[in-house]
N, C-alpha and C. Protein backbone atom coordinates (compact mmCIF):
# COMPACT_ATOMS: atom_id res chain seq x y z
N MET A 1 -70.94 -143.41 74.67
CA MET A 1 -71.18 -144.34 74.22
C MET A 1 -71.86 -145.23 75.11
N ALA A 2 -72.42 -144.35 76.72
CA ALA A 2 -73.14 -145.01 77.20
C ALA A 2 -74.27 -144.97 76.84
N THR A 3 -74.63 -144.56 76.13
CA THR A 3 -76.11 -144.46 75.60
C THR A 3 -75.91 -145.63 74.44
N ALA A 4 -75.34 -145.92 73.46
CA ALA A 4 -75.17 -146.85 72.85
C ALA A 4 -75.29 -148.22 73.65
N ALA A 5 -74.69 -148.44 74.68
CA ALA A 5 -75.07 -149.70 75.56
C ALA A 5 -76.00 -149.95 76.24
N ALA A 6 -76.98 -148.65 76.43
CA ALA A 6 -78.01 -148.47 77.19
C ALA A 6 -79.01 -148.93 75.86
N ASP A 7 -79.17 -148.32 75.10
CA ASP A 7 -79.90 -149.22 73.63
C ASP A 7 -79.94 -150.25 73.03
N ARG A 8 -78.45 -151.20 73.42
CA ARG A 8 -78.08 -152.24 73.25
C ARG A 8 -78.52 -153.11 74.38
N GLU A 9 -78.93 -153.00 75.81
CA GLU A 9 -79.35 -153.27 76.46
C GLU A 9 -81.31 -153.52 76.76
N LEU A 10 -81.65 -152.52 76.45
CA LEU A 10 -82.93 -152.53 75.48
C LEU A 10 -83.23 -153.31 74.29
N ILE A 11 -82.60 -153.31 73.45
CA ILE A 11 -83.03 -154.36 72.34
C ILE A 11 -82.92 -155.81 73.00
N GLU A 12 -81.97 -156.05 73.70
CA GLU A 12 -81.64 -157.63 74.24
C GLU A 12 -82.78 -157.60 74.82
N ALA A 13 -83.20 -156.92 75.73
CA ALA A 13 -84.33 -157.05 77.00
C ALA A 13 -85.73 -157.25 75.86
N VAL A 14 -86.34 -156.53 75.22
CA VAL A 14 -87.08 -156.47 74.20
C VAL A 14 -86.93 -157.90 73.13
N VAL A 15 -85.69 -157.94 72.48
CA VAL A 15 -85.50 -159.27 72.03
C VAL A 15 -85.82 -160.74 73.06
N ALA A 16 -85.51 -160.56 73.94
CA ALA A 16 -85.76 -161.94 75.04
C ALA A 16 -87.52 -161.93 75.35
N GLU A 17 -87.89 -160.64 75.65
CA GLU A 17 -89.34 -160.95 75.58
C GLU A 17 -90.06 -161.43 74.88
N MET A 18 -89.71 -161.12 73.34
CA MET A 18 -90.38 -161.53 72.38
C MET A 18 -89.95 -163.12 72.30
N ALA A 19 -88.74 -163.26 71.91
CA ALA A 19 -88.78 -165.33 72.18
C ALA A 19 -89.74 -165.36 73.05
N ALA A 20 -89.41 -164.93 74.34
CA ALA A 20 -90.65 -166.14 75.49
C ALA A 20 -92.37 -165.68 75.08
N GLY A 21 -92.18 -164.86 74.42
CA GLY A 21 -93.72 -164.94 74.02
C GLY A 21 -93.92 -165.87 73.21
N ILE A 22 -93.23 -165.55 71.80
CA ILE A 22 -93.24 -166.91 71.13
C ILE A 22 -93.28 -168.27 71.53
N ASP A 23 -92.27 -168.44 72.40
CA ASP A 23 -92.16 -169.82 72.83
C ASP A 23 -93.28 -170.33 73.97
N CYS A 24 -94.04 -169.21 74.51
CA CYS A 24 -95.23 -169.91 75.02
C CYS A 24 -96.19 -169.97 74.38
N ALA A 25 -96.42 -169.12 73.39
CA ALA A 25 -97.68 -169.40 72.27
C ALA A 25 -97.24 -170.53 71.51
N VAL A 26 -96.06 -171.24 71.12
CA VAL A 26 -96.25 -172.60 70.53
C VAL A 26 -96.33 -173.53 71.19
N GLU A 27 -95.73 -173.31 72.82
CA GLU A 27 -95.91 -174.52 73.82
C GLU A 27 -97.70 -174.80 73.66
N PHE A 28 -98.44 -173.81 74.36
CA PHE A 28 -99.67 -173.78 74.40
C PHE A 28 -100.22 -174.30 72.83
N TRP A 29 -100.00 -173.86 71.53
CA TRP A 29 -100.94 -174.83 70.78
C TRP A 29 -99.95 -175.88 70.28
N MET A 30 -98.82 -176.47 71.15
CA MET A 30 -98.54 -178.10 71.11
C MET A 30 -98.96 -178.54 71.92
N ALA A 31 -99.21 -178.13 73.30
CA ALA A 31 -100.59 -178.92 74.48
C ALA A 31 -101.51 -179.43 73.42
N GLN A 32 -101.95 -178.41 72.93
CA GLN A 32 -103.80 -178.17 72.41
C GLN A 32 -103.54 -179.56 71.64
N ILE A 33 -102.43 -179.47 70.38
CA ILE A 33 -102.24 -180.78 69.75
C ILE A 33 -102.28 -182.25 70.30
N ASP A 34 -100.90 -182.24 70.98
CA ASP A 34 -100.60 -182.90 72.22
C ASP A 34 -101.89 -183.39 72.40
N ALA A 35 -102.99 -183.12 73.40
CA ALA A 35 -104.12 -183.10 73.74
C ALA A 35 -105.20 -184.13 72.80
N VAL A 36 -105.18 -183.66 71.57
CA VAL A 36 -105.77 -184.25 70.33
C VAL A 36 -105.38 -185.72 70.74
N PHE A 37 -103.86 -185.86 69.72
CA PHE A 37 -103.49 -186.87 69.46
C PHE A 37 -103.69 -188.02 70.94
N GLU A 38 -103.91 -187.74 72.31
CA GLU A 38 -103.74 -188.32 73.38
C GLU A 38 -105.31 -188.96 73.55
N ASN A 39 -105.93 -188.18 73.14
CA ASN A 39 -107.30 -188.70 73.23
C ASN A 39 -107.76 -189.67 72.21
N ASN A 40 -107.91 -191.31 73.13
CA ASN A 40 -108.63 -192.39 72.70
C ASN A 40 -109.67 -192.54 72.30
N GLN A 41 -110.77 -191.33 72.93
CA GLN A 41 -112.10 -191.39 72.44
C GLN A 41 -112.30 -190.93 71.44
N ILE A 42 -111.42 -190.00 70.58
CA ILE A 42 -111.80 -189.62 69.15
C ILE A 42 -111.34 -190.60 68.17
N THR A 43 -111.88 -190.49 66.92
CA THR A 43 -111.38 -191.04 65.40
C THR A 43 -110.25 -190.24 65.38
N THR A 44 -109.54 -191.10 63.93
CA THR A 44 -108.57 -190.30 63.35
C THR A 44 -108.95 -189.29 62.64
N LEU A 45 -110.52 -189.22 62.09
CA LEU A 45 -111.04 -188.16 61.38
C LEU A 45 -111.35 -187.04 62.50
N GLY A 46 -111.63 -187.14 63.60
CA GLY A 46 -112.19 -186.83 64.54
C GLY A 46 -111.11 -186.10 65.28
N ARG A 47 -109.97 -186.53 65.48
CA ARG A 47 -108.51 -185.99 65.50
C ARG A 47 -108.15 -184.76 64.32
N LEU A 48 -108.27 -185.18 63.43
CA LEU A 48 -107.94 -184.34 62.28
C LEU A 48 -109.11 -182.82 62.23
N GLN A 49 -109.92 -183.61 62.68
CA GLN A 49 -111.22 -182.14 62.81
C GLN A 49 -110.93 -181.22 63.50
N ALA A 50 -110.62 -181.93 65.18
CA ALA A 50 -110.01 -181.25 65.85
C ALA A 50 -108.98 -180.27 66.33
N ILE A 51 -107.90 -181.10 64.83
CA ILE A 51 -106.28 -179.80 64.53
C ILE A 51 -107.02 -179.20 63.94
N ARG A 52 -107.79 -179.00 63.31
CA ARG A 52 -108.51 -178.28 62.09
C ARG A 52 -108.88 -177.06 62.77
N GLU A 53 -109.90 -177.55 63.65
CA GLU A 53 -110.05 -176.28 65.12
C GLU A 53 -109.31 -175.29 65.56
N ILE A 54 -108.04 -176.33 65.99
CA ILE A 54 -107.18 -175.64 66.73
C ILE A 54 -106.49 -174.84 66.01
N VAL A 55 -106.06 -174.92 64.84
CA VAL A 55 -105.48 -173.83 63.42
C VAL A 55 -106.92 -172.84 63.12
N ARG A 56 -107.95 -173.19 63.03
CA ARG A 56 -109.19 -172.04 62.54
C ARG A 56 -108.98 -170.99 64.01
N ASN A 57 -108.82 -171.47 65.50
CA ASN A 57 -109.00 -170.96 66.08
C ASN A 57 -107.65 -169.60 66.20
N TYR A 58 -106.34 -170.48 65.93
CA TYR A 58 -105.55 -169.33 66.00
C TYR A 58 -105.61 -168.45 64.44
N ARG A 59 -106.21 -169.07 63.84
CA ARG A 59 -106.12 -167.68 62.79
C ARG A 59 -107.36 -166.64 63.31
N LEU A 60 -108.08 -167.23 63.52
CA LEU A 60 -109.22 -165.95 63.97
C LEU A 60 -108.82 -165.14 65.13
N THR A 61 -107.98 -165.41 65.88
CA THR A 61 -107.25 -165.08 67.25
C THR A 61 -106.30 -163.98 66.21
N LYS A 62 -105.12 -164.62 65.57
CA LYS A 62 -104.13 -163.84 64.98
C LYS A 62 -104.44 -163.00 63.54
N ASP A 63 -106.13 -163.00 62.96
CA ASP A 63 -106.37 -162.35 62.20
C ASP A 63 -107.51 -161.00 62.57
N GLY A 64 -107.55 -161.30 63.83
CA GLY A 64 -108.74 -160.49 64.03
C GLY A 64 -110.15 -161.13 63.89
N GLY A 65 -110.45 -162.15 63.59
CA GLY A 65 -111.66 -162.43 62.66
C GLY A 65 -111.84 -163.04 61.75
N LYS A 66 -110.39 -162.57 60.98
CA LYS A 66 -110.75 -162.49 59.55
C LYS A 66 -109.68 -163.70 59.04
N THR A 67 -110.23 -164.61 58.31
CA THR A 67 -109.41 -165.62 57.79
C THR A 67 -109.29 -165.46 56.17
N PRO A 68 -108.15 -165.72 55.69
CA PRO A 68 -108.13 -165.50 54.56
C PRO A 68 -108.30 -166.80 53.11
N ASP A 69 -108.96 -166.56 52.47
CA ASP A 69 -109.51 -168.12 51.89
C ASP A 69 -108.45 -168.79 50.94
N HIS A 70 -108.34 -170.03 51.36
CA HIS A 70 -107.22 -170.70 50.86
C HIS A 70 -107.89 -171.55 49.93
N GLY A 71 -108.81 -171.86 49.66
CA GLY A 71 -109.32 -172.59 48.68
C GLY A 71 -109.81 -173.79 49.38
N TYR A 72 -110.00 -173.92 50.47
CA TYR A 72 -110.29 -175.35 51.34
C TYR A 72 -111.28 -175.00 52.43
N ALA A 73 -111.73 -175.83 53.02
CA ALA A 73 -112.52 -175.65 53.85
C ALA A 73 -111.76 -175.88 55.28
N ALA A 74 -112.36 -174.52 56.10
CA ALA A 74 -111.32 -174.71 57.75
C ALA A 74 -112.19 -175.54 58.45
C-alpha cells in the first residue's frame, strides 16, 4: 500500500501545480482586462478593441499561432 500512497501524493502534487498555473494565468488575463477598463484615455470602442487584442493574443499563444476561423474578425 506504500506505492498507492506515494502515487496519490504524486497525483495531488501534480493537480496542485496545475491548479496554481491555471490560477496564475487567469489572474494575468484579468489584470490585462482590468487595465483596459480602468484606462480613461480610451473610448468604449477602444476598450472593445483592446479586449479583442487580449483574446487574440491568448489564442495565438494557446494555438501556437493558428487560430480557428469563427466567422468574425479578431
